[in-house]
Amino acid sequence: MYAIIRAGGKQAKVQPGDVIDIERLKNDDEELTFAPLLVVDDKGESHSDRQELSKASVTAKVLGETAGEKIDIFKYKNKTGYRRRMGHRQKYTRIEITGINLPGTKKPAAKKTEAKETEAADKPAAKEPAAKKPAAKKPAAKKPAAKKPAAKKPASKTSKEE
């Protein structure tokens, strides 16, 4: 299951357990909740209805703040002595996605799969017929290759030509 969320004017595709950097948030909450724009469940069905998504949520835990790469800015004009240097590091908040909650979808129960495994273990193993080997294929007869006419060489000039 994954979801598309909007954070800081950008969109991100997230799954439970993902760690992403979003634009810096000034609040001190340790847990954040996002409203998803799109949710794709485990069956591959996409949910984009506004009424359905208004009940859905994506929860995340704040891990801390980070800074992006340094961007160097240098302005220069020729022959005038004009030079300006600046730098910038964008601040980000690092979050870990803890869960995607979409009401109305049932999570697959582990108990059903365990029950099927125990039933299969109780039944005696049925003998399967031996698999037949595929028949060996005969090599296809090769067709003779069509010969191309030889390219004509341009006549060379001799010194005796008039």
N, C-alpha and C. Protein backbone atom coordinates (compact mmCIF):
# COMPACT_ATOMS: atom_id res chain seq x y z
N MET A 1 0.85 -1.17 0.00
CA MET A 1 0.00 0.00 0.00
C MET A 1 0.90 1.23 0.00
N TYR A 2 0.54 2.20 -0.83
CA TYR A 2 1.27 3.46 -0.83
C TYR A 2 0.30 4.61 -1.02
N ALA A 3 0.79 5.81 -0.72
CA ALA A 3 -0.05 7.01 -0.82
C ALA A 3 0.78 8.16 -1.38
N ILE A 4 0.07 9.12 -1.96
CA ILE A 4 0.69 10.36 -2.41
C ILE A 4 0.25 11.45 -1.43
N ILE A 5 1.22 12.13 -0.81
CA ILE A 5 0.89 13.19 0.15
C ILE A 5 1.49 14.50 -0.34
N ARG A 6 0.95 15.61 0.18
CA ARG A 6 1.48 16.94 -0.13
C ARG A 6 2.07 17.51 1.15
N ALA A 7 3.32 17.93 1.06
CA ALA A 7 3.99 18.53 2.22
C ALA A 7 4.92 19.62 1.73
N GLY A 8 4.73 20.82 2.19
CA GLY A 8 5.60 21.93 1.82
C GLY A 8 5.51 22.32 0.36
N GLY A 9 4.34 22.16 -0.24
CA GLY A 9 4.18 22.53 -1.64
C GLY A 9 4.69 21.50 -2.61
N LYS A 10 5.16 20.37 -2.13
CA LYS A 10 5.65 19.29 -2.98
C LYS A 10 4.88 18.02 -2.67
N GLN A 11 4.83 17.11 -3.62
CA GLN A 11 4.15 15.85 -3.42
C GLN A 11 5.18 14.74 -3.31
N ALA A 12 4.85 13.72 -2.50
CA ALA A 12 5.77 12.61 -2.31
C ALA A 12 4.98 11.31 -2.27
N LYS A 13 5.55 10.27 -2.86
CA LYS A 13 4.98 8.92 -2.81
C LYS A 13 5.58 8.22 -1.60
N VAL A 14 4.73 7.78 -0.67
CA VAL A 14 5.23 7.21 0.58
C VAL A 14 4.59 5.86 0.87
N GLN A 15 5.33 5.02 1.57
CA GLN A 15 4.87 3.73 2.07
C GLN A 15 5.23 3.67 3.54
N PRO A 16 4.56 2.82 4.31
CA PRO A 16 4.94 2.68 5.71
C PRO A 16 6.41 2.25 5.84
N GLY A 17 7.15 2.96 6.68
CA GLY A 17 8.57 2.67 6.88
C GLY A 17 9.50 3.59 6.11
N ASP A 18 8.98 4.38 5.16
CA ASP A 18 9.81 5.30 4.39
C ASP A 18 10.28 6.46 5.26
N VAL A 19 11.51 6.93 5.02
CA VAL A 19 12.06 8.11 5.68
C VAL A 19 12.28 9.15 4.59
N ILE A 20 11.61 10.30 4.72
CA ILE A 20 11.73 11.34 3.69
C ILE A 20 12.03 12.69 4.34
N ASP A 21 12.54 13.61 3.55
CA ASP A 21 12.78 14.98 3.99
C ASP A 21 11.70 15.86 3.36
N ILE A 22 11.06 16.68 4.20
CA ILE A 22 10.06 17.62 3.72
C ILE A 22 10.50 19.02 4.12
N GLU A 23 9.85 20.04 3.57
CA GLU A 23 10.18 21.41 3.94
C GLU A 23 10.03 21.58 5.45
N ARG A 24 10.84 22.43 6.04
CA ARG A 24 10.92 22.58 7.49
C ARG A 24 9.57 22.95 8.10
N LEU A 25 9.20 22.24 9.16
CA LEU A 25 8.00 22.52 9.93
C LEU A 25 8.41 23.12 11.26
N LYS A 26 7.74 24.17 11.69
CA LYS A 26 8.13 24.85 12.93
C LYS A 26 7.44 24.30 14.17
N ASN A 27 6.46 23.39 14.00
CA ASN A 27 5.77 22.88 15.18
C ASN A 27 6.62 21.84 15.91
N ASP A 28 6.33 21.65 17.19
CA ASP A 28 7.11 20.75 18.02
C ASP A 28 6.44 19.38 18.17
N ASP A 29 5.45 19.07 17.36
CA ASP A 29 4.78 17.77 17.46
C ASP A 29 5.73 16.65 17.10
N GLU A 30 5.60 15.54 17.82
CA GLU A 30 6.42 14.39 17.49
C GLU A 30 5.75 13.50 16.47
N GLU A 31 4.44 13.69 16.26
CA GLU A 31 3.70 12.89 15.29
C GLU A 31 2.91 13.83 14.39
N LEU A 32 2.96 13.57 13.10
CA LEU A 32 2.26 14.39 12.11
C LEU A 32 1.20 13.55 11.41
N THR A 33 0.17 14.22 10.92
CA THR A 33 -0.87 13.55 10.14
C THR A 33 -1.06 14.32 8.84
N PHE A 34 -1.04 13.60 7.73
CA PHE A 34 -1.23 14.18 6.41
C PHE A 34 -2.51 13.63 5.80
N ALA A 35 -3.17 14.45 4.99
CA ALA A 35 -4.33 14.00 4.22
C ALA A 35 -3.81 13.55 2.86
N PRO A 36 -4.00 12.30 2.48
CA PRO A 36 -3.46 11.83 1.20
C PRO A 36 -4.24 12.36 0.01
N LEU A 37 -3.55 12.51 -1.11
CA LEU A 37 -4.18 12.91 -2.36
C LEU A 37 -4.64 11.69 -3.15
N LEU A 38 -3.94 10.57 -2.94
CA LEU A 38 -4.24 9.32 -3.63
C LEU A 38 -3.74 8.18 -2.77
N VAL A 39 -4.51 7.09 -2.71
CA VAL A 39 -4.08 5.90 -1.98
C VAL A 39 -4.25 4.71 -2.90
N VAL A 40 -3.22 3.87 -3.01
CA VAL A 40 -3.29 2.63 -3.76
C VAL A 40 -3.15 1.50 -2.76
N ASP A 41 -4.17 0.64 -2.67
CA ASP A 41 -4.15 -0.42 -1.67
C ASP A 41 -3.35 -1.62 -2.15
N ASP A 42 -3.31 -2.67 -1.32
CA ASP A 42 -2.51 -3.85 -1.62
C ASP A 42 -3.01 -4.61 -2.84
N LYS A 43 -4.27 -4.46 -3.18
CA LYS A 43 -4.83 -5.13 -4.36
C LYS A 43 -4.51 -4.39 -5.64
N GLY A 44 -3.96 -3.19 -5.54
CA GLY A 44 -3.63 -2.39 -6.70
C GLY A 44 -4.73 -1.44 -7.10
N GLU A 45 -5.78 -1.34 -6.30
CA GLU A 45 -6.88 -0.43 -6.60
C GLU A 45 -6.55 0.96 -6.07
N SER A 46 -6.78 1.97 -6.89
CA SER A 46 -6.50 3.34 -6.47
C SER A 46 -7.77 3.97 -5.92
N HIS A 47 -7.60 4.74 -4.86
CA HIS A 47 -8.70 5.45 -4.21
C HIS A 47 -8.40 6.94 -4.30
N SER A 48 -9.22 7.67 -5.05
CA SER A 48 -9.00 9.10 -5.21
C SER A 48 -10.26 9.92 -4.98
N ASP A 49 -11.33 9.29 -4.51
CA ASP A 49 -12.58 9.99 -4.24
C ASP A 49 -12.40 10.90 -3.02
N ARG A 50 -12.84 12.15 -3.13
CA ARG A 50 -12.64 13.11 -2.03
C ARG A 50 -13.33 12.68 -0.75
N GLN A 51 -14.53 12.13 -0.87
CA GLN A 51 -15.24 11.69 0.34
C GLN A 51 -14.51 10.55 1.02
N GLU A 52 -13.97 9.65 0.23
CA GLU A 52 -13.24 8.51 0.79
C GLU A 52 -11.90 8.96 1.39
N LEU A 53 -11.22 9.89 0.71
CA LEU A 53 -9.91 10.35 1.19
C LEU A 53 -10.03 11.30 2.37
N SER A 54 -11.20 11.92 2.57
CA SER A 54 -11.36 12.81 3.73
C SER A 54 -11.29 12.01 5.03
N LYS A 55 -11.61 10.73 4.97
CA LYS A 55 -11.53 9.86 6.15
C LYS A 55 -10.17 9.19 6.28
N ALA A 56 -9.38 9.21 5.22
CA ALA A 56 -8.07 8.55 5.23
C ALA A 56 -7.02 9.46 5.85
N SER A 57 -5.94 8.86 6.31
CA SER A 57 -4.85 9.64 6.89
C SER A 57 -3.53 8.90 6.75
N VAL A 58 -2.46 9.67 6.72
CA VAL A 58 -1.10 9.14 6.70
C VAL A 58 -0.41 9.70 7.93
N THR A 59 0.09 8.83 8.80
CA THR A 59 0.74 9.29 10.02
C THR A 59 2.26 9.15 9.87
N ALA A 60 2.96 10.10 10.49
CA ALA A 60 4.43 10.12 10.40
C ALA A 60 5.01 10.56 11.73
N LYS A 61 6.22 10.08 12.01
CA LYS A 61 6.94 10.44 13.22
C LYS A 61 8.10 11.34 12.84
N VAL A 62 8.27 12.44 13.56
CA VAL A 62 9.36 13.39 13.28
C VAL A 62 10.66 12.83 13.84
N LEU A 63 11.67 12.73 12.98
CA LEU A 63 12.98 12.22 13.41
C LEU A 63 13.94 13.34 13.74
N GLY A 64 13.78 14.51 13.14
CA GLY A 64 14.68 15.62 13.42
C GLY A 64 14.75 16.57 12.25
N GLU A 65 15.65 17.54 12.37
CA GLU A 65 15.83 18.52 11.31
C GLU A 65 17.17 18.31 10.65
N THR A 66 17.22 18.56 9.35
CA THR A 66 18.46 18.44 8.58
C THR A 66 18.59 19.66 7.68
N ALA A 67 19.76 19.80 7.09
CA ALA A 67 20.00 20.89 6.14
C ALA A 67 20.44 20.27 4.82
N GLY A 68 19.99 20.85 3.74
CA GLY A 68 20.33 20.36 2.42
C GLY A 68 21.75 20.73 2.04
N GLU A 69 22.11 20.48 0.79
CA GLU A 69 23.44 20.81 0.32
C GLU A 69 23.62 22.32 0.22
N LYS A 70 24.86 22.76 0.36
CA LYS A 70 25.18 24.18 0.26
C LYS A 70 25.12 24.59 -1.21
N ILE A 71 24.41 25.68 -1.46
CA ILE A 71 24.33 26.24 -2.80
C ILE A 71 25.13 27.54 -2.80
N ASP A 72 26.13 27.62 -3.67
CA ASP A 72 26.97 28.81 -3.77
C ASP A 72 26.41 29.73 -4.85
N ILE A 73 26.31 31.01 -4.51
CA ILE A 73 25.81 32.02 -5.43
C ILE A 73 26.92 33.04 -5.64
N PHE A 74 27.30 33.27 -6.88
CA PHE A 74 28.36 34.21 -7.20
C PHE A 74 27.90 35.09 -8.35
N LYS A 75 27.83 36.40 -8.10
CA LYS A 75 27.44 37.36 -9.13
C LYS A 75 28.68 38.12 -9.54
N TYR A 76 28.81 38.37 -10.84
CA TYR A 76 30.02 38.99 -11.37
C TYR A 76 29.66 39.79 -12.61
N LYS A 77 30.21 41.00 -12.69
CA LYS A 77 30.08 41.80 -13.91
C LYS A 77 31.48 42.16 -14.38
N ASN A 78 31.70 41.98 -15.64
CA ASN A 78 33.02 42.15 -16.23
C ASN A 78 33.47 43.62 -16.22
N LYS A 79 34.72 43.84 -15.91
CA LYS A 79 35.41 45.15 -16.02
C LYS A 79 34.89 46.23 -15.08
N THR A 80 34.04 45.90 -14.12
CA THR A 80 33.51 46.93 -13.22
C THR A 80 33.90 46.69 -11.78
N GLY A 81 34.47 45.54 -11.48
CA GLY A 81 34.83 45.23 -10.10
C GLY A 81 33.65 44.78 -9.26
N TYR A 82 32.53 44.43 -9.91
CA TYR A 82 31.32 44.01 -9.18
C TYR A 82 31.38 42.51 -8.95
N ARG A 83 31.46 42.13 -7.67
CA ARG A 83 31.47 40.71 -7.29
C ARG A 83 30.68 40.55 -6.01
N ARG A 84 29.80 39.56 -5.96
CA ARG A 84 29.01 39.26 -4.75
C ARG A 84 29.01 37.75 -4.55
N ARG A 85 29.29 37.34 -3.32
CA ARG A 85 29.25 35.92 -2.97
C ARG A 85 28.19 35.70 -1.91
N MET A 86 27.40 34.65 -2.09
CA MET A 86 26.40 34.26 -1.10
C MET A 86 26.32 32.75 -1.09
N GLY A 87 25.67 32.23 -0.06
CA GLY A 87 25.43 30.80 0.02
C GLY A 87 24.09 30.54 0.69
N HIS A 88 23.58 29.33 0.50
CA HIS A 88 22.28 28.99 1.08
C HIS A 88 22.22 27.50 1.36
N ARG A 89 21.65 27.15 2.51
CA ARG A 89 21.37 25.74 2.84
C ARG A 89 19.91 25.66 3.25
N GLN A 90 19.13 24.90 2.50
CA GLN A 90 17.71 24.74 2.78
C GLN A 90 17.52 23.85 4.01
N LYS A 91 16.61 24.22 4.89
CA LYS A 91 16.32 23.44 6.10
C LYS A 91 15.18 22.47 5.81
N TYR A 92 15.35 21.23 6.26
CA TYR A 92 14.34 20.19 6.06
C TYR A 92 13.99 19.54 7.39
N THR A 93 12.80 18.94 7.45
CA THR A 93 12.39 18.12 8.58
C THR A 93 12.36 16.68 8.09
N ARG A 94 13.08 15.80 8.77
CA ARG A 94 13.12 14.38 8.39
C ARG A 94 12.01 13.65 9.14
N ILE A 95 11.17 12.92 8.37
CA ILE A 95 10.06 12.18 8.98
C ILE A 95 10.10 10.73 8.53
N GLU A 96 9.51 9.86 9.36
CA GLU A 96 9.35 8.45 9.03
C GLU A 96 7.86 8.15 8.97
N ILE A 97 7.40 7.56 7.88
CA ILE A 97 5.99 7.23 7.71
C ILE A 97 5.69 5.99 8.55
N THR A 98 4.74 6.14 9.49
CA THR A 98 4.41 5.02 10.37
C THR A 98 3.21 4.22 9.90
N GLY A 99 2.29 4.85 9.18
CA GLY A 99 1.13 4.09 8.73
C GLY A 99 0.24 4.86 7.78
N ILE A 100 -0.52 4.10 7.00
CA ILE A 100 -1.52 4.66 6.10
C ILE A 100 -2.85 4.05 6.50
N ASN A 101 -3.80 4.91 6.86
CA ASN A 101 -5.10 4.43 7.32
C ASN A 101 -6.15 4.80 6.28
N LEU A 102 -6.78 3.78 5.69
CA LEU A 102 -7.85 3.99 4.72
C LEU A 102 -9.07 3.22 5.20
N PRO A 103 -10.07 3.91 5.79
CA PRO A 103 -11.24 3.20 6.29
C PRO A 103 -11.99 2.51 5.15
N GLY A 104 -12.58 1.38 5.47
CA GLY A 104 -13.35 0.65 4.48
C GLY A 104 -12.57 -0.45 3.80
N THR A 105 -11.25 -0.49 3.97
CA THR A 105 -10.47 -1.58 3.41
C THR A 105 -10.08 -2.51 4.54
N LYS A 106 -10.21 -3.78 4.28
CA LYS A 106 -9.87 -4.77 5.30
C LYS A 106 -8.45 -5.23 5.08
N LYS A 107 -7.73 -5.34 6.18
CA LYS A 107 -6.37 -5.84 6.11
C LYS A 107 -6.43 -7.36 6.01
N PRO A 108 -5.55 -7.99 5.26
CA PRO A 108 -5.56 -9.44 5.16
C PRO A 108 -5.24 -10.07 6.51
N ALA A 109 -6.08 -11.01 6.90
CA ALA A 109 -5.92 -11.65 8.20
C ALA A 109 -4.89 -12.77 8.10
N ALA A 110 -3.99 -12.81 9.06
CA ALA A 110 -2.95 -13.85 9.07
C ALA A 110 -3.52 -15.17 9.54
N LYS A 111 -4.63 -15.15 10.28
CA LYS A 111 -5.20 -16.39 10.81
C LYS A 111 -5.71 -17.29 9.70
N LYS A 112 -6.26 -16.73 8.65
CA LYS A 112 -6.79 -17.54 7.55
C LYS A 112 -5.67 -18.29 6.85
N THR A 113 -4.55 -17.67 6.64
CA THR A 113 -3.46 -18.35 5.96
C THR A 113 -2.88 -19.45 6.84
N GLU A 114 -2.83 -19.22 8.16
CA GLU A 114 -2.33 -20.25 9.07
C GLU A 114 -3.27 -21.45 9.07
N ALA A 115 -4.58 -21.20 9.03
CA ALA A 115 -5.55 -22.29 9.03
C ALA A 115 -5.40 -23.12 7.76
N LYS A 116 -5.19 -22.50 6.63
CA LYS A 116 -5.02 -23.23 5.37
C LYS A 116 -3.77 -24.09 5.42
N GLU A 117 -2.70 -23.58 6.02
CA GLU A 117 -1.45 -24.34 6.11
C GLU A 117 -1.62 -25.57 7.00
N THR A 118 -2.37 -25.44 8.10
CA THR A 118 -2.57 -26.59 8.98
C THR A 118 -3.46 -27.63 8.32
N GLU A 119 -4.47 -27.19 7.55
CA GLU A 119 -5.32 -28.15 6.84
C GLU A 119 -4.50 -28.91 5.80
N ALA A 120 -3.62 -28.21 5.12
CA ALA A 120 -2.79 -28.84 4.11
C ALA A 120 -1.82 -29.85 4.75
N ALA A 121 -1.36 -29.57 5.95
CA ALA A 121 -0.45 -30.47 6.63
C ALA A 121 -1.17 -31.73 7.12
N ASP A 122 -2.46 -31.61 7.48
CA ASP A 122 -3.23 -32.75 7.96
C ASP A 122 -3.58 -33.72 6.83
N LYS A 123 -3.79 -33.23 5.63
CA LYS A 123 -4.16 -34.09 4.51
C LYS A 123 -2.94 -34.85 4.01
N PRO A 124 -3.14 -36.13 3.61
CA PRO A 124 -2.01 -36.86 3.05
C PRO A 124 -1.64 -36.26 1.69
N ALA A 125 -0.37 -36.30 1.41
CA ALA A 125 0.12 -35.73 0.17
C ALA A 125 -0.28 -36.60 -1.00
N ALA A 126 -0.92 -36.03 -1.98
CA ALA A 126 -1.34 -36.77 -3.16
C ALA A 126 -0.14 -36.89 -4.10
N LYS A 127 -0.02 -38.08 -4.72
CA LYS A 127 1.09 -38.28 -5.62
C LYS A 127 0.78 -37.58 -6.94
N GLU A 128 1.75 -36.86 -7.40
CA GLU A 128 1.61 -36.17 -8.67
C GLU A 128 2.27 -37.00 -9.76
N PRO A 129 1.66 -37.06 -10.95
CA PRO A 129 2.28 -37.83 -12.03
C PRO A 129 3.63 -37.20 -12.40
N ALA A 130 4.53 -38.06 -12.82
CA ALA A 130 5.86 -37.59 -13.18
C ALA A 130 5.76 -36.64 -14.37
N ALA A 131 6.50 -35.61 -14.31
CA ALA A 131 6.46 -34.62 -15.38
C ALA A 131 7.17 -35.18 -16.61
N LYS A 132 6.55 -35.00 -17.77
CA LYS A 132 7.14 -35.49 -19.00
C LYS A 132 8.18 -34.48 -19.48
N LYS A 133 9.24 -35.04 -20.02
CA LYS A 133 10.27 -34.17 -20.57
C LYS A 133 9.83 -33.71 -21.94
N PRO A 134 10.08 -32.50 -22.29
CA PRO A 134 9.69 -32.04 -23.63
C PRO A 134 10.51 -32.74 -24.69
N ALA A 135 9.86 -33.04 -25.82
CA ALA A 135 10.55 -33.72 -26.90
C ALA A 135 11.65 -32.82 -27.46
N ALA A 136 12.74 -33.46 -27.85
CA ALA A 136 13.86 -32.70 -28.40
C ALA A 136 13.44 -32.13 -29.76
N LYS A 137 13.75 -30.88 -29.97
CA LYS A 137 13.39 -30.24 -31.23
C LYS A 137 14.46 -30.51 -32.26
N LYS A 138 14.00 -30.76 -33.48
CA LYS A 138 14.93 -30.97 -34.58
C LYS A 138 15.38 -29.62 -35.09
N PRO A 139 16.65 -29.49 -35.44
CA PRO A 139 17.09 -28.19 -35.96
C PRO A 139 16.41 -27.92 -37.31
N ALA A 140 16.03 -26.71 -37.51
CA ALA A 140 15.36 -26.33 -38.75
C ALA A 140 16.37 -26.33 -39.89
N ALA A 141 15.90 -26.75 -41.08
CA ALA A 141 16.78 -26.78 -42.24
C ALA A 141 17.12 -25.35 -42.64
N LYS A 142 18.39 -25.12 -42.90
CA LYS A 142 18.82 -23.78 -43.26
C LYS A 142 18.58 -23.55 -44.74
N LYS A 143 18.08 -22.39 -45.04
CA LYS A 143 17.86 -22.01 -46.43
C LYS A 143 19.16 -21.44 -46.97
N PRO A 144 19.45 -21.73 -48.24
CA PRO A 144 20.68 -21.14 -48.79
C PRO A 144 20.54 -19.63 -48.86
N ALA A 145 21.58 -18.96 -48.48
CA ALA A 145 21.56 -17.50 -48.47
C ALA A 145 21.60 -16.98 -49.90
N ALA A 146 20.77 -15.98 -50.17
CA ALA A 146 20.76 -15.39 -51.50
C ALA A 146 22.05 -14.59 -51.70
N LYS A 147 22.68 -14.79 -52.83
CA LYS A 147 23.93 -14.09 -53.10
C LYS A 147 23.62 -12.73 -53.67
N LYS A 148 24.33 -11.76 -53.19
CA LYS A 148 24.16 -10.40 -53.67
C LYS A 148 25.12 -10.18 -54.83
N PRO A 149 24.69 -9.42 -55.84
CA PRO A 149 25.63 -9.15 -56.94
C PRO A 149 26.79 -8.29 -56.42
N ALA A 150 27.94 -8.58 -56.97
CA ALA A 150 29.14 -7.85 -56.55
C ALA A 150 29.04 -6.40 -56.99
N ALA A 151 29.49 -5.52 -56.13
CA ALA A 151 29.45 -4.10 -56.46
C ALA A 151 30.50 -3.79 -57.53
N LYS A 152 30.12 -2.95 -58.47
CA LYS A 152 31.06 -2.59 -59.54
C LYS A 152 32.05 -1.56 -59.02
N LYS A 153 33.30 -1.79 -59.33
CA LYS A 153 34.34 -0.86 -58.92
C LYS A 153 34.45 0.21 -60.00
N PRO A 154 34.68 1.44 -59.60
CA PRO A 154 34.85 2.48 -60.62
C PRO A 154 36.14 2.24 -61.40
N ALA A 155 36.07 2.49 -62.68
CA ALA A 155 37.24 2.28 -63.53
C ALA A 155 38.34 3.24 -63.13
N SER A 156 39.54 2.70 -62.96
CA SER A 156 40.65 3.55 -62.57
C SER A 156 41.21 4.26 -63.80
N LYS A 157 41.65 5.43 -63.61
CA LYS A 157 42.20 6.21 -64.71
C LYS A 157 43.66 5.81 -64.93
N THR A 158 43.99 5.70 -66.17
CA THR A 158 45.37 5.37 -66.49
C THR A 158 46.04 6.60 -67.09
N SER A 159 47.32 6.58 -67.07
CA SER A 159 48.05 7.72 -67.58
C SER A 159 48.00 7.82 -69.12
N LYS A 160 47.61 6.76 -69.80
CA LYS A 160 47.60 6.75 -71.25
C LYS A 160 46.29 7.26 -71.83
N GLU A 161 45.33 7.60 -70.99
CA GLU A 161 44.06 8.07 -71.51
C GLU A 161 44.22 9.44 -72.10
N GLU A 162 43.47 9.71 -73.17
CA GLU A 162 43.56 11.01 -73.82
C GLU A 162 42.31 11.79 -73.69
